[in-house]
Amino acid sequence: QVQLVESGGGLVQAGGSLRLSCAASGSILTFNAMAWYRQAPGKKRELVAAISAGGSTRYASSARGRFTITRDTAKNTLYLQMNSLRPEDTSMYYCAAAQGSDPFLVVSTVPEETDFGSWGQGTQVTVST
């Protein structure tokens, strides 16, 4: 089972930026998709951004234009660059990886939580006013 470890969360003022990282214990080339999810207290976990094996990306409407998901296959690391942060972005952010066989996941299929079999422990992002 692959291990995913997130880092980079913290406290930032509204309008600021953070970059989250997710380091995998093995090659991320074995994943057909990776994603960032977030969950605020009392709310359902939601997809923030996802990237397919081929590099196609998909964003939640709340993240589009402000967040960018990228990966470094040499470092086996997934990133989430978050700019123009808002108080409503305050959440625990989780990295997830899918090892399925669907080549269209993310590309043309909106990923579901059940598509991802590996999850990190989360990193807290708090945006103050």
Foldseek 3Di string as FASTA:
>chain_A
DKAKAKDWADEEAQQAKIKMKIAIPDFLLLFQKKFKWWDAPPDDIGTAKMAGSVGAIDGDPVQPPFWDWDADRVRRMIMIIGGRDDQVVWTWMKMFTANDDDNCDRVPDDDDPVRTDYMHPTDTHGYHD
